[in-house]
Amino acid sequence: MADHIISLKSAELLHHFPKDYRNEKGGDYGTVYTLAYPHAFGVEVPYFKDPSHLAAWLAGFAAHNNSVLDHDGDK
């Protein structure tokens, strides 16, 4: 069991979200990661410095799509 569990409001998390470098103009921000074949996703896939952030985005993308498909099946 965890030693401490801290509950955070969603607004308190906003400054912890990873930065999407897709729209960065100029500047030297080094290496970023995105998905191979991003056009297959039908949305603009973000660019992140940490590949785990990209993995989390992909998991959220898949969960959202599954939710939409499940909801559409209820009709």
Protein backbone atom coordinates (compact mmCIF):
# COMPACT_ATOMS: atom_id res chain seq x y z
CA MET A 1 0.00 0.00 0.00
CA ALA A 2 1.15 3.51 -0.71
CA ASP A 3 2.57 5.55 2.17
CA HIS A 4 0.65 8.65 1.09
CA ILE A 5 -2.18 9.21 -1.34
CA ILE A 6 -2.73 12.81 -2.37
CA SER A 7 -5.93 13.77 -4.17
CA LEU A 8 -5.52 16.54 -6.75
CA LYS A 9 -8.19 18.54 -8.54
CA SER A 10 -7.89 18.45 -12.32
CA ALA A 11 -7.05 22.19 -12.42
CA GLU A 12 -4.03 21.48 -10.22
CA LEU A 13 -2.65 19.12 -12.87
CA LEU A 14 -2.68 21.53 -15.80
CA HIS A 15 0.90 22.75 -15.38
CA HIS A 16 2.10 19.12 -15.20
CA PHE A 17 0.86 18.21 -18.67
CA PRO A 18 3.68 17.48 -21.11
CA LYS A 19 4.45 20.16 -23.67
CA ASP A 20 3.36 19.42 -27.23
CA TYR A 21 6.13 20.70 -29.51
CA ARG A 22 4.06 20.50 -32.72
CA ASN A 23 3.49 24.22 -32.83
CA GLU A 24 6.90 25.41 -31.65
CA LYS A 25 8.36 27.85 -34.14
CA GLY A 26 12.10 28.38 -34.25
CA GLY A 27 14.12 27.73 -31.15
CA ASP A 28 16.20 24.69 -30.47
CA TYR A 29 14.11 22.23 -28.49
CA GLY A 30 16.19 19.17 -29.29
CA THR A 31 14.85 15.71 -29.97
CA VAL A 32 11.12 15.03 -29.85
CA TYR A 33 9.08 11.89 -30.49
CA THR A 34 5.92 11.28 -32.48
CA LEU A 35 4.21 8.24 -33.95
CA ALA A 36 5.27 6.59 -37.18
CA TYR A 37 2.50 6.97 -39.78
CA PRO A 38 0.65 9.72 -37.88
CA HIS A 39 -1.78 10.20 -40.79
CA ALA A 40 -3.28 6.80 -39.92
CA PHE A 41 -4.76 8.33 -36.76
CA GLY A 42 -6.81 11.00 -38.52
CA VAL A 43 -5.68 13.67 -36.04
CA GLU A 44 -2.54 15.67 -35.50
CA VAL A 45 -0.30 13.47 -33.39
CA PRO A 46 1.67 15.46 -30.80
CA TYR A 47 5.46 15.70 -30.47
CA PHE A 48 6.85 15.07 -26.97
CA LYS A 49 10.36 15.02 -25.50
CA ASP A 50 9.62 11.85 -23.52
CA PRO A 51 8.32 8.81 -25.44
CA SER A 52 6.30 7.76 -22.38
CA HIS A 53 4.22 10.93 -22.85
CA LEU A 54 3.50 9.82 -26.40
CA ALA A 55 2.52 6.37 -25.09
CA ALA A 56 0.13 7.97 -22.59
CA TRP A 57 -1.39 10.12 -25.35
CA LEU A 58 -1.87 7.01 -27.51
CA ALA A 59 -3.53 5.14 -24.63
CA GLY A 60 -5.92 8.06 -24.12
CA PHE A 61 -6.60 8.26 -27.86
CA ALA A 62 -7.41 4.54 -27.98
CA ALA A 63 -9.59 4.71 -24.86
CA HIS A 64 -11.54 7.63 -26.32
CA ASN A 65 -12.07 5.80 -29.62
CA ASN A 66 -13.22 2.66 -27.80
CA SER A 67 -15.63 4.73 -25.75
CA VAL A 68 -17.06 6.31 -28.89
CA LEU A 69 -17.42 2.92 -30.56
CA ASP A 70 -19.08 1.43 -27.46
CA HIS A 71 -21.50 4.35 -27.27
CA ASP A 72 -22.33 4.12 -30.99
CA GLY A 73 -23.13 0.43 -30.51
CA ASP A 74 -25.84 1.37 -27.98
CA LYS A 75 -27.95 2.99 -30.71
